[in-house]
C-alpha atoms as a PDB file:
ATOM      1  CA  MET A   1     -10.768   9.470  29.751  1.00  0.00           C
ATOM      2  CA  LYS A   2     -12.443   8.336  26.557  1.00  0.00           C
ATOM      3  CA  LYS A   3      -9.934   7.244  23.938  1.00  0.00           C
ATOM      4  CA  SER A   4     -10.066   8.626  20.413  1.00  0.00           C
ATOM      5  CA  GLU A   5     -10.585   6.552  17.292  1.00  0.00           C
ATOM      6  CA  ARG A   6      -6.906   7.013  16.475  1.00  0.00           C
ATOM      7  CA  PHE A   7      -5.888   5.260  19.685  1.00  0.00           C
ATOM      8  CA  TYR A   8      -7.885   2.125  18.894  1.00  0.00           C
ATOM      9  CA  ILE A   9      -6.848   2.028  15.235  1.00  0.00           C
ATOM     10  CA  GLY A  10      -3.254   2.475  16.382  1.00  0.00           C
ATOM     11  CA  LEU A  11      -3.608  -0.498  18.722  1.00  0.00           C
ATOM     12  CA  ILE A  12      -5.065  -2.618  15.914  1.00  0.00           C
ATOM     13  CA  TYR A  13      -2.335  -1.614  13.486  1.00  0.00           C
ATOM     14  CA  PHE A  14       0.400  -2.175  16.083  1.00  0.00           C
ATOM     15  CA  THR A  15      -0.894  -5.686  16.748  1.00  0.00           C
ATOM     16  CA  SER A  16      -0.923  -6.385  13.012  1.00  0.00           C
ATOM     17  CA  MET A  17       2.686  -5.248  12.531  1.00  0.00           C
ATOM     18  CA  VAL A  18       3.947  -7.144  15.584  1.00  0.00           C
ATOM     19  CA  SER A  19       2.407 -10.292  14.130  1.00  0.00           C
ATOM     20  CA  VAL A  20       4.205  -9.633  10.803  1.00  0.00           C
ATOM     21  CA  LEU A  21       7.505  -9.305  12.655  1.00  0.00           C
ATOM     22  CA  ALA A  22       6.751 -12.500  14.583  1.00  0.00           C
ATOM     23  CA  VAL A  23       6.246 -14.377  11.311  1.00  0.00           C
ATOM     24  CA  ARG A  24       9.594 -13.070  10.024  1.00  0.00           C
ATOM     25  CA  ILE A  25      11.299 -14.313  13.194  1.00  0.00           C
ATOM     26  CA  LEU A  26       9.667 -17.743  12.845  1.00  0.00           C
ATOM     27  CA  PHE A  27      10.971 -17.993   9.285  1.00  0.00           C
ATOM     28  CA  ALA A  28      14.445 -16.858  10.340  1.00  0.00           C
ATOM     29  CA  TYR A  29      14.651 -19.753  12.804  1.00  0.00           C
ATOM     30  CA  ASP A  30      13.062 -22.300  10.402  1.00  0.00           C
ATOM     31  CA  ALA A  31      10.265 -22.869  12.900  1.00  0.00           C
ATOM     32  CA  LEU A  32       7.791 -23.484  10.066  1.00  0.00           C
ATOM     33  CA  ALA A  33      10.020 -25.746   7.967  1.00  0.00           C
ATOM     34  CA  PRO A  34       7.463 -28.601   7.629  1.00  0.00           C
ATOM     35  CA  LEU A  35       4.823 -26.224   6.257  1.00  0.00           C
ATOM     36  CA  GLU A  36       7.397 -24.562   4.008  1.00  0.00           C
ATOM     37  CA  ALA A  37       8.240 -27.936   2.500  1.00  0.00           C
ATOM     38  CA  LEU A  38       4.546 -28.608   1.923  1.00  0.00           C
ATOM     39  CA  ILE A  39       3.426 -25.421   0.144  1.00  0.00           C
ATOM     40  CA  GLY A  40       6.632 -23.493  -0.457  1.00  0.00           C
ATOM     41  CA  SER A  41       8.410 -20.859   1.613  1.00  0.00           C
ATOM     42  CA  ASP A  42       7.234 -17.825  -0.383  1.00  0.00           C
ATOM     43  CA  ASN A  43       3.634 -19.028  -0.518  1.00  0.00           C
ATOM     44  CA  LEU A  44       3.505 -19.730   3.201  1.00  0.00           C
ATOM     45  CA  PHE A  45       5.049 -16.384   4.087  1.00  0.00           C
ATOM     46  CA  THR A  46       2.588 -14.531   1.846  1.00  0.00           C
ATOM     47  CA  LEU A  47      -0.437 -16.357   3.235  1.00  0.00           C
ATOM     48  CA  LEU A  48       0.574 -15.775   6.847  1.00  0.00           C
ATOM     49  CA  THR A  49       1.523 -12.104   6.510  1.00  0.00           C
ATOM     50  CA  GLN A  50      -1.260 -11.088   4.139  1.00  0.00           C
ATOM     51  CA  VAL A  51      -4.296 -13.171   5.058  1.00  0.00           C
ATOM     52  CA  ILE A  52      -3.608 -13.555   8.798  1.00  0.00           C
ATOM     53  CA  CYS A  53      -1.424 -10.633   9.911  1.00  0.00           C
ATOM     54  CA  MET A  54      -2.868  -7.906   7.689  1.00  0.00           C
ATOM     55  CA  GLY A  55      -6.290  -9.421   7.116  1.00  0.00           C
ATOM     56  CA  ALA A  56      -7.867 -11.602   9.772  1.00  0.00           C
ATOM     57  CA  ILE A  57      -6.174 -10.107  12.854  1.00  0.00           C
ATOM     58  CA  PRO A  58      -6.807  -6.391  12.194  1.00  0.00           C
ATOM     59  CA  GLY A  59     -10.140  -7.136  10.517  1.00  0.00           C
ATOM     60  CA  LEU A  60     -11.586  -8.995  13.484  1.00  0.00           C
ATOM     61  CA  MET A  61     -10.204  -6.434  15.941  1.00  0.00           C
ATOM     62  CA  TYR A  62     -11.736  -3.580  13.941  1.00  0.00           C
ATOM     63  CA  LEU A  63     -15.146  -5.228  13.674  1.00  0.00           C
ATOM     64  CA  CYS A  64     -15.117  -5.951  17.420  1.00  0.00           C
ATOM     65  CA  LEU A  65     -14.346  -2.286  18.059  1.00  0.00           C
ATOM     66  CA  LYS A  66     -17.211  -1.176  15.819  1.00  0.00           C
ATOM     67  CA  ARG A  67     -19.596  -3.629  17.439  1.00  0.00           C
ATOM     68  CA  ARG A  68     -18.709  -2.195  20.833  1.00  0.00           C
ATOM     69  CA  GLN A  69     -19.532   1.239  19.407  1.00  0.00           C
ATOM     70  CA  GLY A  70     -22.893  -0.071  18.176  1.00  0.00           C
ATOM     71  CA  ILE A  71     -21.939   0.047  14.491  1.00  0.00           C
ATOM     72  CA  GLY A  72     -22.891  -2.762  12.136  1.00  0.00           C
ATOM     73  CA  VAL A  73     -20.572  -4.539   9.707  1.00  0.00           C
ATOM     74  CA  GLY A  74     -21.807  -2.711   6.610  1.00  0.00           C
ATOM     75  CA  ARG A  75     -21.343   0.759   8.043  1.00  0.00           C
ATOM     76  CA  ALA A  76     -18.033  -0.250   9.624  1.00  0.00           C
ATOM     77  CA  LEU A  77     -16.683  -1.307   6.230  1.00  0.00           C
ATOM     78  CA  ARG A  78     -17.939   1.879   4.561  1.00  0.00           C
ATOM     79  CA  GLN A  79     -16.139   3.922   7.201  1.00  0.00           C
ATOM     80  CA  ILE A  80     -12.794   2.518   6.063  1.00  0.00           C
ATOM     81  CA  GLY A  81     -13.484   2.941   2.373  1.00  0.00           C
ATOM     82  CA  PHE A  82     -15.377  -0.125   1.183  1.00  0.00           C
ATOM     83  CA  TYR A  83     -17.521   2.215  -0.801  1.00  0.00           C
ATOM     84  CA  LYS A  84     -18.234   2.033  -4.531  1.00  0.00           C
ATOM     85  CA  PRO A  85     -16.913   5.193  -6.212  1.00  0.00           C
ATOM     86  CA  ARG A  86     -18.525   6.898  -9.180  1.00  0.00           C
ATOM     87  CA  ARG A  87     -17.867   5.302 -12.572  1.00  0.00           C
ATOM     88  CA  GLU A  88     -16.249   8.493 -13.848  1.00  0.00           C
ATOM     89  CA  VAL A  89     -13.201   8.016 -11.617  1.00  0.00           C
ATOM     90  CA  TRP A  90     -11.844   4.801 -13.113  1.00  0.00           C
ATOM     91  CA  LYS A  91     -10.310   6.256 -16.282  1.00  0.00           C
ATOM     92  CA  TYR A  92      -8.259   8.637 -14.154  1.00  0.00           C
ATOM     93  CA  VAL A  93      -7.336   5.907 -11.679  1.00  0.00           C
ATOM     94  CA  VAL A  94      -6.003   3.616 -14.420  1.00  0.00           C
ATOM     95  CA  VAL A  95      -3.847   6.326 -16.015  1.00  0.00           C
ATOM     96  CA  ILE A  96      -2.543   7.502 -12.631  1.00  0.00           C
ATOM     97  CA  SER A  97      -1.717   3.888 -11.747  1.00  0.00           C
ATOM     98  CA  LEU A  98       0.223   3.233 -14.961  1.00  0.00           C
ATOM     99  CA  PHE A  99       2.157   6.496 -14.728  1.00  0.00           C
ATOM    100  CA  SER A 100       2.934   6.002 -11.049  1.00  0.00           C
ATOM    101  CA  THR A 101       4.009   2.402 -11.570  1.00  0.00           C
ATOM    102  CA  PHE A 102       6.635   3.527 -14.067  1.00  0.00           C
ATOM    103  CA  ILE A 103       7.836   6.194 -11.629  1.00  0.00           C
ATOM    104  CA  THR A 104       8.132   3.743  -8.730  1.00  0.00           C
ATOM    105  CA  THR A 105      10.008   1.282 -10.962  1.00  0.00           C
ATOM    106  CA  PHE A 106      12.424   4.058 -11.920  1.00  0.00           C
ATOM    107  CA  VAL A 107      12.835   5.084  -8.271  1.00  0.00           C
ATOM    108  CA  SER A 108      13.459   1.450  -7.324  1.00  0.00           C
ATOM    109  CA  LEU A 109      16.229   1.201  -9.922  1.00  0.00           C
ATOM    110  CA  MET A 110      17.879   4.428  -8.772  1.00  0.00           C
ATOM    111  CA  TRP A 111      17.613   3.419  -5.113  1.00  0.00           C
ATOM    112  CA  SER A 112      19.208   0.055  -5.889  1.00  0.00           C
ATOM    113  CA  GLY A 113      22.134   1.937  -7.400  1.00  0.00           C
ATOM    114  CA  VAL A 114      22.481   4.085  -4.301  1.00  0.00           C
ATOM    115  CA  LEU A 115      22.476   1.028  -2.051  1.00  0.00           C
ATOM    116  CA  SER A 116      25.111  -0.655  -4.206  1.00  0.00           C
ATOM    117  CA  LEU A 117      27.333   2.395  -3.887  1.00  0.00           C
ATOM    118  CA  CYS A 118      26.933   2.110  -0.109  1.00  0.00           C
ATOM    119  CA  GLY A 119      28.232  -1.465  -0.203  1.00  0.00           C
ATOM    120  CA  TYR A 120      24.878  -3.273  -0.099  1.00  0.00           C
ATOM    121  CA  LYS A 121      25.111  -6.719  -1.700  1.00  0.00           C
ATOM    122  CA  TYR A 122      22.075  -8.225  -3.391  1.00  0.00           C
ATOM    123  CA  LEU A 123      21.344 -11.926  -3.232  1.00  0.00           C
ATOM    124  CA  SER A 124      20.748 -13.569  -6.588  1.00  0.00           C
ATOM    125  CA  SER A 125      17.244 -14.927  -7.006  1.00  0.00           C
ATOM    126  CA  SER A 126      16.856 -18.664  -6.798  1.00  0.00           C
ATOM    127  CA  GLY A 127      15.627 -20.312  -9.969  1.00  0.00           C
ATOM    128  CA  ASP A 128      17.012 -17.650 -12.313  1.00  0.00           C
ATOM    129  CA  ASP A 129      16.965 -20.173 -15.168  1.00  0.00           C
ATOM    130  CA  GLU A 130      13.412 -21.310 -14.486  1.00  0.00           C
ATOM    131  CA  VAL A 131      10.953 -20.764 -17.337  1.00  0.00           C
ATOM    132  CA  TYR A 132       7.614 -19.437 -16.129  1.00  0.00           C
ATOM    133  CA  ASN A 133       4.616 -21.227 -17.628  1.00  0.00           C
ATOM    134  CA  LEU A 134       1.038 -19.943 -17.574  1.00  0.00           C
ATOM    135  CA  PHE A 135       0.239 -21.572 -14.224  1.00  0.00           C
ATOM    136  CA  THR A 136       3.346 -20.035 -12.673  1.00  0.00           C
ATOM    137  CA  VAL A 137       2.280 -16.578 -13.818  1.00  0.00           C
ATOM    138  CA  ILE A 138      -1.287 -17.092 -12.546  1.00  0.00           C
ATOM    139  CA  GLY A 139      -0.014 -18.311  -9.181  1.00  0.00           C
ATOM    140  CA  MET A 140       2.383 -15.387  -8.854  1.00  0.00           C
ATOM    141  CA  THR A 141      -0.378 -12.978  -9.839  1.00  0.00           C
ATOM    142  CA  VAL A 142      -2.587 -14.276  -7.032  1.00  0.00           C
ATOM    143  CA  MET A 143       0.136 -14.375  -4.391  1.00  0.00           C
ATOM    144  CA  THR A 144       2.155 -11.313  -5.407  1.00  0.00           C
ATOM    145  CA  ALA A 145      -0.513  -9.001  -6.821  1.00  0.00           C
ATOM    146  CA  GLY A 146      -3.938 -10.154  -5.641  1.00  0.00           C
ATOM    147  CA  LEU A 147      -3.459 -10.793  -1.934  1.00  0.00           C
ATOM    148  CA  PRO A 148      -1.290  -7.724  -1.200  1.00  0.00           C
ATOM    149  CA  ALA A 149      -3.672  -5.494  -3.165  1.00  0.00           C
ATOM    150  CA  VAL A 150      -6.542  -6.505  -0.884  1.00  0.00           C
ATOM    151  CA  PHE A 151      -4.984  -6.975   2.529  1.00  0.00           C
ATOM    152  CA  GLU A 152      -2.245  -4.343   2.482  1.00  0.00           C
ATOM    153  CA  GLU A 153      -4.738  -1.761   1.265  1.00  0.00           C
ATOM    154  CA  PHE A 154      -7.184  -2.741   3.984  1.00  0.00           C
ATOM    155  CA  SER A 155      -4.588  -2.318   6.722  1.00  0.00           C
ATOM    156  CA  HIS A 156      -2.574   0.617   5.357  1.00  0.00           C
ATOM    157  CA  ARG A 157      -5.127   2.728   3.539  1.00  0.00           C
ATOM    158  CA  GLY A 158      -8.512   1.662   4.925  1.00  0.00           C
ATOM    159  CA  LEU A 159      -7.778   1.367   8.641  1.00  0.00           C
ATOM    160  CA  LEU A 160      -5.436   4.350   8.672  1.00  0.00           C
ATOM    161  CA  ARG A 161      -8.040   6.480   6.899  1.00  0.00           C
ATOM    162  CA  ARG A 162     -10.274   5.867   9.882  1.00  0.00           C
ATOM    163  CA  ALA A 163      -7.510   7.071  12.191  1.00  0.00           C
ATOM    164  CA  TYR A 164      -7.452  10.418  10.318  1.00  0.00           C
ATOM    165  CA  PRO A 165     -11.126  11.054   9.461  1.00  0.00           C
ATOM    166  CA  LEU A 166     -11.101  14.841   9.437  1.00  0.00           C
ATOM    167  CA  LYS A 167     -10.596  16.933   6.328  1.00  0.00           C
ATOM    168  CA  LYS A 168      -7.768  18.854   8.006  1.00  0.00           C
ATOM    169  CA  ASP A 169      -5.929  15.547   8.567  1.00  0.00           C
ATOM    170  CA  ALA A 170      -5.599  14.827   4.827  1.00  0.00           C
ATOM    171  CA  TYR A 171      -1.881  15.486   4.407  1.00  0.00           C
ATOM    172  CA  THR A 172      -1.058  13.796   7.707  1.00  0.00           C
ATOM    173  CA  TYR A 173      -2.985  10.710   6.615  1.00  0.00           C
ATOM    174  CA  ILE A 174      -1.248  10.556   3.245  1.00  0.00           C
ATOM    175  CA  LEU A 175       2.249  10.958   4.702  1.00  0.00           C
ATOM    176  CA  VAL A 176       1.737   8.615   7.667  1.00  0.00           C
ATOM    177  CA  SER A 177       0.119   5.959   5.498  1.00  0.00           C
ATOM    178  CA  ALA A 178       2.980   6.098   2.979  1.00  0.00           C
ATOM    179  CA  LEU A 179       5.636   6.030   5.716  1.00  0.00           C
ATOM    180  CA  LEU A 180       4.090   3.074   7.515  1.00  0.00           C
ATOM    181  CA  PHE A 181       3.606   1.252   4.228  1.00  0.00           C
ATOM    182  CA  GLY A 182       7.235   1.723   3.234  1.00  0.00           C
ATOM    183  CA  LEU A 183       8.550   0.621   6.624  1.00  0.00           C
ATOM    184  CA  MET A 184       6.151  -2.328   6.805  1.00  0.00           C
ATOM    185  CA  HIS A 185       8.244  -4.212   4.249  1.00  0.00           C
ATOM    186  CA  GLN A 186      11.156  -4.154   6.742  1.00  0.00           C
ATOM    187  CA  ASN A 187      13.527  -4.314   3.780  1.00  0.00           C
ATOM    188  CA  ILE A 188      15.794  -1.424   2.831  1.00  0.00           C
ATOM    189  CA  THR A 189      15.547  -2.263  -0.877  1.00  0.00           C
ATOM    190  CA  GLN A 190      11.775  -1.731  -0.901  1.00  0.00           C
ATOM    191  CA  THR A 191      11.339   1.180   1.485  1.00  0.00           C
ATOM    192  CA  VAL A 192      11.777   4.164  -0.840  1.00  0.00           C
ATOM    193  CA  TYR A 193       9.718   3.123  -3.852  1.00  0.00           C
ATOM    194  CA  THR A 194       6.923   1.706  -1.680  1.00  0.00           C
ATOM    195  CA  PHE A 195       6.819   5.038   0.158  1.00  0.00           C
ATOM    196  CA  CYS A 196       6.379   6.816  -3.199  1.00  0.00           C
ATOM    197  CA  GLY A 197       3.647   4.396  -4.238  1.00  0.00           C
ATOM    198  CA  GLY A 198       2.040   4.749  -0.827  1.00  0.00           C
ATOM    199  CA  LEU A 199       1.673   8.497  -1.340  1.00  0.00           C
ATOM    200  CA  VAL A 200      -0.285   7.920  -4.537  1.00  0.00           C
ATOM    201  CA  MET A 201      -2.464   5.154  -3.090  1.00  0.00           C
ATOM    202  CA  ALA A 202      -3.342   7.180  -0.001  1.00  0.00           C
ATOM    203  CA  GLY A 203      -4.150  10.125  -2.263  1.00  0.00           C
ATOM    204  CA  LEU A 204      -6.508   7.935  -4.291  1.00  0.00           C
ATOM    205  CA  VAL A 205      -8.335   6.834  -1.150  1.00  0.00           C
ATOM    206  CA  TYR A 206      -8.605  10.349   0.212  1.00  0.00           C
ATOM    207  CA  VAL A 207      -9.797  11.929  -3.030  1.00  0.00           C
ATOM    208  CA  THR A 208     -12.335   9.253  -3.997  1.00  0.00           C
ATOM    209  CA  GLY A 209     -13.506   8.255  -0.517  1.00  0.00           C
ATOM    210  CA  SER A 210     -13.066   4.615  -1.565  1.00  0.00           C
ATOM    211  CA  ILE A 211     -10.418   1.954  -1.040  1.00  0.00           C
ATOM    212  CA  TYR A 212     -11.120   0.290  -4.391  1.00  0.00           C
ATOM    213  CA  PRO A 213      -9.012   2.676  -6.546  1.00  0.00           C
ATOM    214  CA  SER A 214      -5.959   2.018  -4.369  1.00  0.00           C
ATOM    215  CA  VAL A 215      -6.615  -1.732  -4.575  1.00  0.00           C
ATOM    216  CA  LEU A 216      -6.615  -1.456  -8.378  1.00  0.00           C
ATOM    217  CA  TYR A 217      -3.410   0.616  -8.340  1.00  0.00           C
ATOM    218  CA  HIS A 218      -1.704  -1.872  -6.018  1.00  0.00           C
ATOM    219  CA  PHE A 219      -2.769  -4.814  -8.160  1.00  0.00           C
ATOM    220  CA  LEU A 220      -1.620  -3.212 -11.436  1.00  0.00           C
ATOM    221  CA  ASN A 221       1.727  -2.212  -9.912  1.00  0.00           C
ATOM    222  CA  ASN A 222       2.460  -5.711  -8.623  1.00  0.00           C
ATOM    223  CA  PHE A 223       1.038  -7.408 -11.725  1.00  0.00           C
ATOM    224  CA  ILE A 224       3.400  -5.449 -13.965  1.00  0.00           C
ATOM    225  CA  ALA A 225       6.256  -6.589 -11.714  1.00  0.00           C
ATOM    226  CA  VAL A 226       5.075 -10.187 -12.217  1.00  0.00           C
ATOM    227  CA  LEU A 227       5.024  -9.709 -15.998  1.00  0.00           C
ATOM    228  CA  LEU A 228       8.516  -8.210 -15.972  1.00  0.00           C
ATOM    229  CA  GLN A 229       9.820 -11.157 -13.977  1.00  0.00           C
ATOM    230  CA  ALA A 230       8.021 -13.600 -16.262  1.00  0.00           C
ATOM    231  CA  GLY A 231       9.394 -11.875 -19.350  1.00  0.00           C
ATOM    232  CA  ALA A 232      12.916 -12.129 -17.973  1.00  0.00           C
ATOM    233  CA  ARG A 233      12.339 -15.902 -17.620  1.00  0.00           C
ATOM    234  CA  GLY A 234      11.145 -16.284 -21.218  1.00  0.00           C
ATOM    235  CA  ASN A 235       7.365 -16.287 -20.742  1.00  0.00           C
ATOM    236  CA  VAL A 236       5.558 -14.827 -23.750  1.00  0.00           C
ATOM    237  CA  LEU A 237       3.120 -12.873 -21.542  1.00  0.00           C
ATOM    238  CA  GLY A 238       5.915 -10.726 -20.179  1.00  0.00           C
ATOM    239  CA  ILE A 239       8.141 -10.349 -23.229  1.00  0.00           C
ATOM    240  CA  LEU A 240       6.678  -7.020 -24.406  1.00  0.00           C
ATOM    241  CA  PRO A 241       6.689  -5.196 -21.032  1.00  0.00           C
ATOM    242  CA  ALA A 242      10.098  -6.655 -20.192  1.00  0.00           C
ATOM    243  CA  ALA A 243      11.502  -5.451 -23.539  1.00  0.00           C
ATOM    244  CA  LEU A 244       9.992  -1.969 -23.056  1.00  0.00           C
ATOM    245  CA  TYR A 245      11.230  -1.575 -19.492  1.00  0.00           C
ATOM    246  CA  GLY A 246      14.604  -3.004 -20.494  1.00  0.00           C
ATOM    247  CA  LEU A 247      14.904  -0.423 -23.256  1.00  0.00           C
ATOM    248  CA  LEU A 248      14.018   2.448 -20.912  1.00  0.00           C
ATOM    249  CA  LEU A 249      15.779   1.304 -17.759  1.00  0.00           C
ATOM    250  CA  GLY A 250      18.475  -1.097 -18.917  1.00  0.00           C
ATOM    251  CA  THR A 251      20.938   1.388 -20.375  1.00  0.00           C
ATOM    252  CA  THR A 252      22.355   4.763 -19.357  1.00  0.00           C
ATOM    253  CA  ALA A 253      20.706   6.451 -22.346  1.00  0.00           C
ATOM    254  CA  GLY A 254      17.386   4.787 -21.526  1.00  0.00           C
ATOM    255  CA  GLN A 255      17.636   5.853 -17.904  1.00  0.00           C
ATOM    256  CA  THR A 256      18.247   9.447 -18.978  1.00  0.00           C
ATOM    257  CA  VAL A 257      15.149   9.329 -21.165  1.00  0.00           C
ATOM    258  CA  SER A 258      13.232   7.713 -18.276  1.00  0.00           C
ATOM    259  CA  LEU A 259      14.259  10.560 -15.959  1.00  0.00           C
ATOM    260  CA  ILE A 260      12.823  13.063 -18.427  1.00  0.00           C
ATOM    261  CA  ILE A 261       9.627  11.002 -18.686  1.00  0.00           C
ATOM    262  CA  VAL A 262       9.327  10.895 -14.882  1.00  0.00           C
ATOM    263  CA  ILE A 263       9.790  14.675 -14.631  1.00  0.00           C
ATOM    264  CA  ILE A 264       7.001  15.130 -17.179  1.00  0.00           C
ATOM    265  CA  MET A 265       4.736  12.560 -15.513  1.00  0.00           C
ATOM    266  CA  ILE A 266       4.765  14.126 -12.037  1.00  0.00           C
ATOM    267  CA  PRO A 267       2.836  17.329 -12.943  1.00  0.00           C
ATOM    268  CA  LEU A 268       0.586  15.246 -15.203  1.00  0.00           C
ATOM    269  CA  ILE A 269      -0.310  13.021 -12.253  1.00  0.00           C
ATOM    270  CA  TYR A 270      -1.100  16.120 -10.208  1.00  0.00           C
ATOM    271  CA  ARG A 271      -3.430  17.360 -12.962  1.00  0.00           C
ATOM    272  CA  LEU A 272      -5.066  13.945 -13.132  1.00  0.00           C
ATOM    273  CA  PHE A 273      -5.665  14.066  -9.387  1.00  0.00           C
ATOM    274  CA  VAL A 274      -7.383  17.437  -9.805  1.00  0.00           C
ATOM    275  CA  LYS A 275      -9.668  15.937 -12.464  1.00  0.00           C
ATOM    276  CA  LEU A 276     -10.186  12.827 -10.346  1.00  0.00           C
ATOM    277  CA  ARG A 277     -11.231  14.932  -7.394  1.00  0.00           C
ATOM    278  CA  ALA A 278     -13.807  16.764  -9.498  1.00  0.00           C
ATOM    279  CA  ALA A 279     -15.141  13.493 -10.942  1.00  0.00           C
ATOM    280  CA  ALA A 280     -15.320  11.741  -7.574  1.00  0.00           C
ATOM    281  CA  ASN A 281     -16.773  14.607  -5.537  1.00  0.00           C
ATOM    282  CA  PRO A 282     -19.452  16.560  -7.369  1.00  0.00           C
ATOM    283  CA  PRO A 283     -21.292  18.975  -5.062  1.00  0.00           C
ATOM    284  CA  ARG A 284     -24.504  17.477  -3.709  1.00  0.00           C
ATOM    285  CA  PRO A 285     -27.208  18.819  -1.439  1.00  0.00           C
ATOM    286  CA  VAL A 286     -26.912  17.822   2.227  1.00  0.00           C
ATOM    287  CA  LYS A 287     -29.676  18.687   4.670  1.00  0.00           C
ATOM    288  CA  ILE A 288     -28.520  20.029   8.035  1.00  0.00           C
ATOM    289  CA  TYR A 289     -31.521  20.634  10.246  1.00  0.00           C
ATOM    290  CA  ASP A 290     -33.863  22.633   7.970  1.00  0.00           C
ATOM    291  CA  THR A 291     -31.224  23.977   5.608  1.00  0.00           C
ATOM    292  CA  TYR A 292     -29.647  22.445   2.539  1.00  0.00           C
ATOM    293  CA  ILE A 293     -25.977  23.044   1.828  1.00  0.00           C
ATOM    294  CA  TYR A 294     -23.830  21.769  -0.994  1.00  0.00           C
ATOM    295  CA  ALA A 295     -21.042  19.475   0.128  1.00  0.00           C
ATOM    296  CA  THR A 296     -18.725  16.870  -1.357  1.00  0.00           C
ATOM    297  CA  ARG A 297     -17.480  13.534  -0.111  1.00  0.00           C
ATOM    298  CA  LEU A 298     -14.299  15.258   1.005  1.00  0.00           C
ATOM    299  CA  ASP A 299     -16.218  17.302   3.538  1.00  0.00           C
ATOM    300  CA  ASP A 300     -16.607  16.088   7.104  1.00  0.00           C
ATOM    301  CA  LEU A 301     -20.197  15.037   6.369  1.00  0.00           C
ATOM    302  CA  SER A 302     -18.897  12.610   3.751  1.00  0.00           C
ATOM    303  CA  VAL A 303     -19.026   8.896   3.132  1.00  0.00           C
ATOM    304  CA  TYR A 304     -17.097   8.423   6.358  1.00  0.00           C
ATOM    305  CA  GLY A 305     -19.959   9.844   8.376  1.00  0.00           C
ATOM    306  CA  LYS A 306     -19.750  12.271  11.259  1.00  0.00           C
ATOM    307  CA  PRO A 307     -16.162  12.292  12.583  1.00  0.00           C
ATOM    308  CA  GLU A 308     -15.835  10.455  15.864  1.00  0.00           C
ATOM    309  CA  GLN A 309     -12.522  12.153  16.604  1.00  0.00           C
ATOM    310  CA  SER A 310     -13.101  15.833  17.239  1.00  0.00           C
ATOM    311  CA  LYS A 311     -10.150  16.592  19.492  1.00  0.00           C
ATOM    312  CA  LYS A 312      -6.427  16.502  18.974  1.00  0.00           C
ATOM    313  CA  PRO A 313      -5.042  13.134  20.092  1.00  0.00           C
ATOM    314  CA  SER A 314      -2.674  13.141  23.032  1.00  0.00           C
ATOM    315  CA  ARG A 315       0.847  11.746  22.859  1.00  0.00           C
ATOM    316  CA  GLY A 316      -0.354   8.580  24.513  1.00  0.00           C
ATOM    317  CA  GLU A 317      -2.947   8.094  21.797  1.00  0.00           C
ATOM    318  CA  LYS A 318      -0.201   8.336  19.156  1.00  0.00           C
ATOM    319  CA  ALA A 319       2.055   5.868  20.980  1.00  0.00           C
ATOM    320  CA  PHE A 320       1.091   2.780  18.980  1.00  0.00           C
ATOM    321  CA  PHE A 321       1.856   4.409  15.627  1.00  0.00           C
ATOM    322  CA  ALA A 322       5.138   5.735  17.034  1.00  0.00           C
ATOM    323  CA  GLY A 323       5.968   2.249  18.298  1.00  0.00           C
ATOM    324  CA  VAL A 324       5.382   0.734  14.853  1.00  0.00           C
ATOM    325  CA  ILE A 325       7.590   3.367  13.217  1.00  0.00           C
ATOM    326  CA  VAL A 326      10.434   2.672  15.664  1.00  0.00           C
ATOM    327  CA  MET A 327      10.081  -1.115  15.383  1.00  0.00           C
ATOM    328  CA  ASN A 328       9.951  -1.221  11.589  1.00  0.00           C
ATOM    329  CA  THR A 329      12.692   1.401  11.213  1.00  0.00           C
ATOM    330  CA  LEU A 330      15.010  -0.777  13.299  1.00  0.00           C
ATOM    331  CA  ALA A 331      14.090  -3.854  11.263  1.00  0.00           C
ATOM    332  CA  THR A 332      14.711  -1.934   8.019  1.00  0.00           C
ATOM    333  CA  ALA A 333      18.068  -0.655   9.298  1.00  0.00           C
ATOM    334  CA  MET A 334      19.058  -4.217  10.225  1.00  0.00           C
ATOM    335  CA  SER A 335      18.237  -5.372   6.692  1.00  0.00           C
ATOM    336  CA  PHE A 336      20.664  -2.747   5.384  1.00  0.00           C
ATOM    337  CA  VAL A 337      23.408  -3.745   7.821  1.00  0.00           C
ATOM    338  CA  TRP A 338      22.930  -7.390   6.941  1.00  0.00           C
ATOM    339  CA  GLY A 339      23.128  -6.568   3.233  1.00  0.00           C
ATOM    340  CA  VAL A 340      26.400  -4.708   3.706  1.00  0.00           C
ATOM    341  CA  LEU A 341      28.027  -7.361   5.901  1.00  0.00           C
ATOM    342  CA  ARG A 342      27.082 -10.487   3.989  1.00  0.00           C
END
């Protein structure tokens, strides 16, 4: 029986996540100690997981799949969202990104409090007294914001969008993408706020038909985190955002105000998505046989092309995604247990 597109994308994604877990195991047993000493543990881990596990491996597998289907590289990339959106969308994307970044930061703080109440113990960061210079901030921006924005969006928003190409699959795509993205971190401290951010990023991809808005969101979110960390270490670039976030999130009164701001922001983000959808998908004439109809990029005859998956996938065709969820859920649960016991 011919397999659906979701089956093959699931296989690609499963392979990618198994390779990420393999890298984590190698680091746990110090199998890469010589390389860690050469370029640094964090840098090596980022390069392996981002460029190799979530870039080269799934990218090559996807292009091989498309070649077997007789689809060229350009069309294959457009099918997963490497498509330039209309200029009108960017003002909405930037505002949505800034609002959502504040919300995810607030959620992260609240979730950290919940974990602490459950007995989870946080490890203090090494180099807390280190002062970040300009080169440190640039390096962290590349490794912490740049690479994840490209490769995590390719694997979690682009590839998964191809697994759910039909208009009726929109909500399933958004939820599955966010769930897999949250569990991918395999760290209980990151799961909840990355799930929330994943919902927004998947929504951006679905509404605009392009992966670039989610790449921008991801970069801005991580870049602000870099600035906050730099500001806490005395770097002038991060002093202002660190002071602002400290005022809003560092005290009980500030957290109360932040909760009110978050409650206000959520319906505003929804309204911005409505405007974004209108800006990204103006009706346009599409010729079907001898008749013109007006369609948008959210219709099945959109930038993604004619859907290759027209039937409901069987349980077997969903097995790879289910396997990833089970594997990463267990790894996330183990991170919680380890945090409680240490």
